[in-house]
Protein backbone atom coordinates (compact mmCIF):
# COMPACT_ATOMS: atom_id res chain seq x y z
CA MET A 1 35.24 -0.10 -13.55
CA SER A 2 34.46 2.27 -10.92
CA GLU A 3 36.24 1.93 -7.43
CA ARG A 4 34.28 -0.07 -4.98
CA THR A 5 34.74 -0.83 -1.37
CA SER A 6 33.84 -3.73 1.06
CA VAL A 7 32.58 -2.68 4.16
CA LEU A 8 30.63 -4.14 6.98
CA LEU A 9 27.32 -1.59 6.67
CA GLY A 10 28.26 -1.01 10.34
CA GLU A 11 31.47 0.67 9.61
CA VAL A 12 29.26 3.60 7.65
CA MET A 13 26.09 3.51 9.27
CA ARG A 14 24.25 2.74 12.71
CA VAL A 15 21.16 2.00 13.39
CA LYS A 16 18.91 3.79 16.46
CA HIS A 17 16.26 1.89 18.06
CA GLY A 18 12.53 3.57 18.66
CA TYR A 19 11.07 4.67 21.69
CA ALA A 20 8.30 2.25 23.20
CA PHE A 21 5.40 4.92 23.47
CA PRO A 22 3.05 3.78 26.35
CA GLY A 23 -0.30 2.27 25.48
CA GLU A 24 -2.57 4.57 27.43
CA GLY A 25 -1.83 7.08 24.85
CA PHE A 26 -2.48 5.49 21.65
CA SER A 27 -5.53 7.14 19.52
CA ASN A 28 -6.67 6.73 16.16
CA ASP A 29 -7.27 10.83 16.22
CA PRO A 30 -5.31 12.16 13.16
CA ALA A 31 -4.82 15.40 14.71
CA TRP A 32 -1.65 13.98 17.06
CA SER A 33 1.36 12.60 15.66
CA THR A 34 1.89 9.44 13.78
CA LEU A 35 3.50 6.47 14.82
CA VAL A 36 5.41 4.39 12.44
CA THR A 37 4.56 1.09 12.27
CA PRO A 38 5.86 -1.81 10.43
CA GLY A 39 2.48 -1.69 8.74
CA ASN A 40 4.15 1.49 6.74
CA PHE A 41 6.34 -0.81 4.77
CA ALA A 42 5.40 -1.36 1.79
CA ILE A 43 6.47 -4.69 0.15
CA GLY A 44 9.84 -4.18 -1.63
CA GLY A 45 10.59 -1.20 0.46
CA GLY A 46 9.17 2.24 0.52
CA PHE A 47 6.63 4.09 2.71
CA LYS A 48 3.23 2.78 2.56
CA ALA A 49 0.49 4.97 3.80
CA THR A 50 -2.11 3.04 6.33
CA LYS A 51 -4.46 4.47 8.58
CA PRO A 52 -2.88 6.70 11.04
CA LYS A 53 -2.24 4.91 14.75
CA THR A 54 -1.37 8.38 16.73
CA PHE A 55 0.08 9.11 19.93
CA SER A 56 -1.67 11.74 22.50
CA GLY A 57 0.93 11.72 24.93
CA GLU A 58 4.04 13.05 25.86
CA TYR A 59 7.59 11.77 24.26
CA PRO A 60 11.12 12.88 24.31
CA ASP A 61 11.76 15.24 21.47
CA GLU A 62 14.95 13.30 20.06
CA TYR A 63 11.92 10.43 18.68
CA VAL A 64 10.37 13.21 16.12
CA LEU A 65 11.13 11.66 12.88
CA ALA A 66 12.17 14.06 10.19
CA PRO A 67 10.96 14.46 6.38
CA GLY A 68 13.59 12.48 4.64
CA ASP A 69 14.90 10.39 7.48
CA LEU A 70 15.77 6.32 6.54
CA ILE A 71 14.21 4.28 8.69
CA VAL A 72 14.09 0.10 8.36
CA THR A 73 11.74 -2.49 9.86
CA MET A 74 13.08 -4.86 12.69
CA THR A 75 9.71 -7.04 13.24
CA ASP A 76 7.49 -8.22 10.37
CA LEU A 77 4.15 -10.28 11.27
CA SER A 78 4.28 -12.27 8.05
CA LYS A 79 5.79 -15.54 8.07
CA GLU A 80 8.00 -15.11 4.73
CA GLY A 81 9.36 -11.80 6.14
CA ALA A 82 8.16 -9.79 3.19
CA THR A 83 9.30 -6.02 4.60
CA LEU A 84 11.69 -7.49 7.08
CA GLY A 85 14.67 -5.13 7.00
CA LEU A 86 13.30 -3.01 4.03
CA PRO A 87 13.83 0.61 4.16
CA ALA A 88 11.39 3.43 4.18
CA THR A 89 12.14 7.02 3.68
CA ILE A 90 9.81 9.31 6.02
CA PRO A 91 7.30 11.46 4.21
CA SER A 92 6.36 15.48 5.15
CA ASP A 93 2.83 15.18 5.27
CA ALA A 94 2.60 14.74 8.87
CA VAL A 95 4.73 14.48 12.17
CA TYR A 96 5.94 11.23 12.44
CA LEU A 97 7.09 9.24 15.98
CA HIS A 98 9.79 7.02 16.14
CA ASN A 99 8.43 3.76 17.43
CA GLN A 100 9.82 0.87 18.80
CA ARG A 101 11.22 -2.42 16.61
CA ILE A 102 11.56 0.92 13.87
CA GLY A 103 15.09 1.28 13.12
CA LEU A 104 17.03 4.96 11.82
CA VAL A 105 19.34 4.58 9.66
CA GLU A 106 22.73 7.15 10.35
CA VAL A 107 25.50 7.42 8.16
CA VAL A 108 28.76 7.80 10.16
CA ASP A 109 31.31 7.57 7.32
CA SER A 110 29.85 10.27 4.60
CA SER A 111 33.40 9.63 2.66
CA VAL A 112 32.22 6.04 1.75
CA VAL A 113 28.48 6.00 1.46
CA ASN A 114 25.63 8.59 0.69
CA LEU A 115 22.23 8.14 2.65
CA ALA A 116 19.75 8.31 -0.64
CA PHE A 117 21.73 5.41 -2.02
CA LEU A 118 21.47 3.39 1.33
CA HIS A 119 17.70 3.72 0.48
CA TYR A 120 18.25 1.50 -2.38
CA TYR A 121 20.77 -0.21 -1.23
CA LEU A 122 19.22 -1.87 1.76
CA ARG A 123 16.62 -3.30 -0.90
CA SER A 124 19.43 -5.42 -2.39
CA ASP A 125 19.43 -9.15 -3.09
CA GLY A 126 22.79 -9.91 -1.04
CA TYR A 127 21.26 -8.00 2.12
CA ARG A 128 17.39 -9.31 1.51
CA ALA A 129 19.27 -13.13 1.54
CA HIS A 130 21.05 -11.72 4.49
CA ILE A 131 18.61 -10.22 6.82
CA LEU A 132 16.44 -13.46 6.25
CA GLY A 133 18.88 -15.79 6.56
CA THR A 134 19.76 -14.41 10.13
CA ALA A 135 16.11 -13.60 11.46
CA THR A 136 14.45 -15.11 14.13
CA GLY A 137 10.54 -15.88 15.10
CA SER A 138 8.99 -18.36 12.82
CA THR A 139 5.20 -16.39 13.18
CA VAL A 140 6.65 -13.13 13.72
CA ARG A 141 10.19 -12.29 12.34
CA HIS A 142 12.65 -10.04 14.03
CA THR A 143 16.28 -8.82 13.14
CA SER A 144 18.25 -6.26 15.36
CA PRO A 145 20.55 -3.37 14.50
CA SER A 146 23.42 -5.59 15.30
CA LYS A 147 22.24 -8.22 12.25
CA ILE A 148 21.68 -5.28 9.99
CA CYS A 149 25.06 -3.62 10.40
CA ALA A 150 26.89 -7.24 10.49
CA TYR A 151 26.14 -7.37 6.38
CA ARG A 152 29.11 -7.04 4.32
CA ALA A 153 28.56 -4.23 1.38
CA ASP A 154 30.09 -3.82 -1.70
CA LEU A 155 29.94 -0.10 -2.16
CA PRO A 156 30.50 1.76 -5.56
CA CYS A 157 32.07 5.18 -4.90
CA LEU A 158 30.33 8.40 -4.15
CA GLU A 159 29.98 9.68 -7.38
CA GLN A 160 28.58 5.89 -9.13
CA GLN A 161 26.09 6.29 -5.81
CA ARG A 162 24.71 9.43 -6.88
CA SER A 163 24.16 8.67 -10.05
CA ILE A 164 22.59 5.85 -9.13
CA THR A 165 20.47 7.16 -6.75
CA THR A 166 19.04 9.45 -9.53
CA VAL A 167 18.05 7.28 -11.77
CA LEU A 168 16.18 5.06 -9.67
CA GLY A 169 14.94 8.15 -7.84
CA ALA A 170 13.48 9.25 -11.25
CA LEU A 171 11.23 6.21 -11.92
CA ASP A 172 9.84 6.45 -8.03
CA ASP A 173 9.78 10.21 -8.46
CA LYS A 174 7.27 9.36 -11.41
CA ILE A 175 5.76 6.40 -9.33
CA ALA A 176 5.05 9.04 -6.72
CA ALA A 177 3.52 11.58 -9.01
CA ASN A 178 0.93 8.46 -10.57
CA THR A 179 0.25 7.70 -7.24
CA ASN A 180 -0.64 11.24 -5.96
CA LEU A 181 -3.19 11.28 -9.22
CA VAL A 182 -4.94 8.34 -8.03
CA SER A 183 -5.28 9.24 -4.51
CA THR A 184 -6.88 12.84 -5.96
CA ALA A 185 -9.17 11.58 -7.96
CA ASP A 186 -10.39 9.33 -5.34
CA ALA A 187 -11.00 12.53 -3.47
CA TRP A 188 -12.63 14.03 -5.87
CA VAL A 189 -15.40 11.18 -6.66
CA ARG A 190 -15.56 11.72 -2.51
CA ALA A 191 -16.22 15.34 -2.83
CA ILE A 192 -18.77 15.17 -5.56
CA PHE A 193 -20.78 12.17 -3.94
CA THR A 194 -20.70 14.78 -0.94
CA ASP A 195 -22.35 17.38 -2.90
CA ILE A 196 -24.76 15.50 -4.42
CA ALA A 197 -25.90 13.59 -1.04
CA ARG A 198 -26.47 17.29 0.20
CA GLU A 199 -28.61 17.72 -2.45
CA ALA A 200 -30.54 15.13 -2.77
CA GLN A 201 -34.35 14.95 -1.57
CA GLY A 202 -34.82 11.27 -0.72
CA LYS A 203 -33.14 8.06 0.23
CA ILE A 204 -32.84 4.29 -1.40
CA VAL A 205 -31.96 1.14 0.27
CA LEU A 206 -28.40 -0.26 -2.01
CA ALA A 207 -30.40 -3.50 -2.15
CA ARG A 208 -32.36 -1.39 -5.44
CA LEU A 209 -29.29 -0.51 -6.31
CA ALA A 210 -27.08 -3.92 -6.56
CA THR A 211 -27.53 -7.66 -6.11
CA LEU A 212 -24.83 -10.06 -4.43
CA ALA A 213 -23.12 -12.37 -6.91
CA ARG A 214 -23.00 -15.55 -5.42
CA ASP A 215 -20.77 -17.50 -8.11
CA LEU A 216 -18.58 -19.83 -6.14
CA VAL A 217 -15.46 -20.99 -7.84
CA PRO A 218 -13.07 -24.09 -6.87
CA PRO A 219 -9.06 -23.92 -6.97
CA SER A 220 -9.42 -26.80 -9.68
CA LEU A 221 -11.16 -24.93 -11.99
CA LEU A 222 -8.71 -21.72 -11.75
CA SER A 223 -6.19 -21.20 -14.61
CA ALA A 224 -2.89 -20.09 -12.92
CA ASP A 225 -2.83 -16.36 -14.22
CA THR A 226 -6.54 -15.57 -13.47
CA MET A 227 -6.78 -12.48 -11.12
CA TYR A 228 -6.82 -13.25 -7.49
CA VAL A 229 -8.02 -10.29 -4.76
CA GLY A 230 -7.64 -10.62 -1.41
CA LEU A 231 -8.24 -8.85 1.59
CA GLU A 232 -4.76 -8.00 1.67
CA HIS A 233 -4.56 -6.53 -1.87
CA ILE A 234 -7.29 -4.03 -1.00
CA PRO A 235 -6.10 -1.00 -0.22
CA ARG A 236 -7.88 1.38 2.56
CA ARG A 237 -9.96 3.75 1.64
CA LEU A 238 -9.16 3.97 -2.05
CA MET A 239 -11.65 2.93 -4.47
CA TRP A 240 -8.99 1.47 -7.05
CA LEU A 241 -7.55 -1.58 -6.79
CA ASN A 242 -3.41 -1.11 -7.02
CA ASN A 243 -2.28 -4.60 -5.70
CA CYS A 244 -3.52 -8.03 -6.95
CA GLY A 245 -2.44 -11.77 -6.44
CA ALA A 246 -2.56 -14.48 -8.81
CA ALA A 247 -4.85 -17.74 -8.92
CA MET A 248 -2.02 -20.06 -8.62
CA SER A 249 -1.79 -19.56 -4.74
CA VAL A 250 -5.46 -20.54 -4.08
CA THR A 251 -6.11 -23.51 -2.48
CA SER A 252 -9.63 -23.35 -1.59
CA THR A 253 -13.22 -21.85 -3.01
CA LYS A 254 -13.07 -18.07 -4.26
CA SER A 255 -15.84 -15.86 -5.49
CA ARG A 256 -15.67 -15.15 -9.15
CA PHE A 257 -16.23 -11.02 -10.02
CA GLN A 258 -16.77 -9.63 -13.36
CA THR A 259 -15.25 -6.08 -14.42
CA GLY A 260 -17.15 -3.03 -12.74
CA ASP A 261 -18.11 -5.23 -10.19
CA ILE A 262 -17.49 -3.93 -6.35
CA LEU A 263 -15.52 -5.67 -3.97
CA PHE A 264 -16.37 -4.62 -0.57
CA GLY A 265 -14.32 -6.24 2.52
CA LYS A 266 -16.98 -7.49 4.87
CA LEU A 267 -14.31 -9.20 7.45
CA ARG A 268 -13.41 -5.84 9.85
CA PRO A 269 -15.58 -3.59 7.40
CA TYR A 270 -13.96 -0.45 9.59
CA PHE A 271 -11.01 -1.15 7.80
CA HIS A 272 -12.73 0.62 5.10
CA LYS A 273 -11.81 -1.91 2.04
CA VAL A 274 -13.80 -0.98 -0.81
CA VAL A 275 -12.61 -0.80 -4.83
CA SER A 276 -13.91 -0.99 -8.37
CA ALA A 277 -12.62 -4.38 -10.07
CA PRO A 278 -10.29 -3.33 -13.41
CA ALA A 279 -10.61 -6.87 -14.54
CA GLY A 280 -12.65 -10.27 -14.07
CA GLY A 281 -11.34 -12.62 -11.40
CA VAL A 282 -11.84 -14.46 -8.15
CA CYS A 283 -11.52 -13.20 -4.81
CA SER A 284 -11.63 -14.30 -0.90
CA THR A 285 -14.70 -15.27 0.13
CA ASP A 286 -14.29 -12.59 2.76
CA VAL A 287 -14.91 -9.91 0.10
CA LEU A 288 -18.79 -9.22 -0.94
CA VAL A 289 -18.82 -9.03 -4.71
CA VAL A 290 -21.26 -6.63 -5.22
CA ARG A 291 -22.90 -6.29 -8.69
CA PRO A 292 -24.69 -2.81 -9.81
CA VAL A 293 -28.22 -3.40 -11.15
CA ASP A 294 -27.57 -0.85 -13.69
CA LYS A 295 -24.81 -0.32 -15.12
CA ARG A 296 -25.68 3.38 -16.07
CA ALA A 297 -25.49 3.90 -11.89
CA ALA A 298 -22.66 1.77 -11.66
CA GLY A 299 -20.39 5.07 -10.33
CA PHE A 300 -22.82 6.34 -8.11
CA VAL A 301 -23.09 2.67 -6.46
CA LEU A 302 -19.01 2.46 -6.06
CA ALA A 303 -19.37 5.96 -4.14
CA ALA A 304 -22.40 5.45 -2.13
CA MET A 305 -20.60 1.96 -1.00
CA ALA A 306 -16.94 3.40 -0.38
CA SER A 307 -18.61 6.33 1.93
CA ASP A 308 -18.15 6.95 5.20
CA GLU A 309 -21.78 6.59 6.11
CA VAL A 310 -22.21 3.26 4.56
CA VAL A 311 -18.59 1.98 6.01
CA GLN A 312 -20.05 2.90 9.43
CA SER A 313 -23.40 1.61 9.35
CA CYS A 314 -21.61 -2.10 8.11
CA THR A 315 -19.56 -2.09 10.80
CA ALA A 316 -21.89 -1.12 13.56
CA ALA A 317 -24.20 -3.83 12.00
CA SER A 318 -21.38 -6.47 11.94
CA GLU A 319 -21.18 -9.48 14.18
CA GLY A 320 -18.28 -10.72 16.27
CA THR A 321 -15.91 -9.11 18.84
CA ARG A 322 -12.48 -10.14 17.52
CA MET A 323 -13.19 -10.54 14.44
CA PRO A 324 -16.41 -8.46 13.24
CA ARG A 325 -17.88 -9.95 9.98
CA ALA A 326 -20.72 -7.85 7.90
CA SER A 327 -22.77 -9.36 5.86
CA TRP A 328 -25.12 -8.59 2.37
CA LYS A 329 -27.98 -8.42 4.48
CA ASP A 330 -26.25 -5.33 6.16
CA LEU A 331 -25.03 -3.64 3.33
CA ALA A 332 -28.55 -4.63 1.35
CA ALA A 333 -30.29 -2.52 4.29
CA VAL A 334 -28.28 0.44 3.77
CA GLU A 335 -30.14 3.62 3.19
CA VAL A 336 -28.03 6.04 0.83
CA PRO A 337 -29.02 9.65 -0.51
CA TRP A 338 -30.88 9.12 -4.06
CA PRO A 339 -30.25 12.49 -6.37
CA GLY A 340 -32.43 10.58 -9.32
CA ASP A 341 -31.83 8.95 -12.39
CA ALA A 342 -30.78 11.54 -14.43
CA ALA A 343 -27.61 12.77 -11.67
CA ALA A 344 -26.88 9.16 -10.39
CA ALA A 345 -25.96 8.59 -14.24
CA ALA A 346 -24.45 11.83 -14.68
CA LEU A 347 -22.23 10.93 -11.77
CA SER A 348 -21.73 7.34 -13.22
CA GLU A 349 -20.43 8.35 -16.57
CA LYS A 350 -17.73 10.96 -14.71
CA VAL A 351 -16.46 7.99 -12.57
CA SER A 352 -15.88 5.93 -15.78
CA ARG A 353 -13.97 8.18 -17.32
CA LEU A 354 -11.84 9.09 -14.29
CA ARG A 355 -11.70 5.27 -13.44
CA ASP A 356 -9.95 4.75 -16.93
CA ALA A 357 -7.35 6.78 -16.55
CA VAL A 358 -6.69 5.78 -13.07
CA GLU A 359 -6.13 2.30 -14.22
CA ALA A 360 -4.18 3.51 -16.67
CA HIS A 361 -1.69 5.47 -14.07
CA LEU A 362 -1.92 2.13 -11.95
CA ARG A 363 -0.29 0.06 -15.23
CA GLU A 364 2.33 2.59 -15.96
CA ASN A 365 3.12 2.33 -12.05
CA ASP A 366 3.27 -1.29 -12.81
CA THR A 367 5.70 -1.22 -15.51
CA LEU A 368 8.05 1.20 -13.82
CA ALA A 369 8.18 -0.81 -10.66
CA ALA A 370 9.44 -3.75 -12.48
CA MET A 371 11.80 -2.10 -14.31
CA ARG A 372 13.22 -0.07 -10.95
CA ASP A 373 13.16 -3.55 -9.57
CA LEU A 374 15.51 -4.90 -12.51
CA LEU A 375 17.87 -2.20 -12.55
CA LEU A 376 18.72 -2.21 -9.04
CA PRO A 377 19.97 -5.21 -8.23
CA ALA A 378 21.75 -4.85 -11.71
CA LEU A 379 23.09 -1.48 -10.67
CA MET A 380 24.06 -2.14 -7.21
CA SER A 381 26.68 -4.97 -8.36
CA GLY A 382 28.13 -2.75 -11.42
CA ALA A 383 26.40 -5.72 -14.06
CA ILE A 384 24.93 -2.63 -16.18
CA ARG A 385 26.41 1.22 -16.63
CA VAL A 386 24.62 3.69 -15.32
CA LYS A 387 24.61 5.33 -18.16
CA ASP A 388 22.69 2.37 -20.04
CA ALA A 389 20.24 2.68 -17.42
CA GLU A 390 19.69 6.12 -17.86
CA MET A 391 18.99 6.29 -21.33
CA THR A 392 16.25 3.07 -20.37
CA VAL A 393 15.12 5.43 -18.26
CA GLU A 394 14.56 8.20 -20.28
CA GLU A 395 12.67 6.24 -22.76
CA VAL A 396 9.67 5.36 -20.41
CA LEU A 397 9.68 8.51 -18.84
């Protein structure tokens, strides 16, 4: 077995606090630099794109993050601490700023640990148990650089670290490639709908294209493995559902949906949560279940409902100040460009084929992520050899 070293994380790395950016400089304008927030951390680790929170004021240059920088979140709004202490790597698609409650990880002894390896080590079971066990707060969970650095780590040698990183990185690279294809498919549908909208000679209200499904189901009638979709599962400004839960956690009445229905998040509609249902299941009652009247126009209805114009119209009509809600009445009354039956059907056929491909990529991502999460603790502990893991990964890539 390769040599391993037991060290406190604080002996080989440090965690640098972020900057308290003044609130008056906060913006939603994507032209400005983006503030990293706890919302940018995915459950299980990794960087998650969200609606950008940007900053328009001045700040010290040292708080500009570089692509490849390793960060950890020190605050988590969930009671279970789902992302607390987890790592993410800064992407290269924008200028990101090192915000407060976000820690920048810097290696101080490169003879013992590799930065890329830490990206995976800080997702291991022992480290997670330490972070959650030492966290403070009940509603909002907190950790700190000192608590992170107090964890005693059992590290393999650098050669093993690099090999482990290569194996797990190959899975993440494939997941990233699939995710990029999914995003590209979304952008393509939006672009085609925009072109059709420009050429359309008339308009039609959504009430003529779709109806609201009102099938409410009590939790007692649901099987534990029924797909459950809450608002937290629906991505922002992406037409494809890439996450879901199971009905075993459901304790209140939910809305039933069918394959091909369109799920429209009515709570805070400006979050732009509109997706196509890949299968039947149940969802939160804060989600409108919209069913196309004519399946031949289903793809057109999806593209229309997911457009910026429809979401903005529903946002303007929503009621409530702190927790605004849109209604089916608001959505049904929105007018959208109508290109005619033939053009709507042609777009829908393209969307249908594209949706099948997208869902295949998303299913593959689930498989790849499950394999990565299975291999990670085994590789970290030395329970499985890297060569054996490499063979397993090669079979699925």
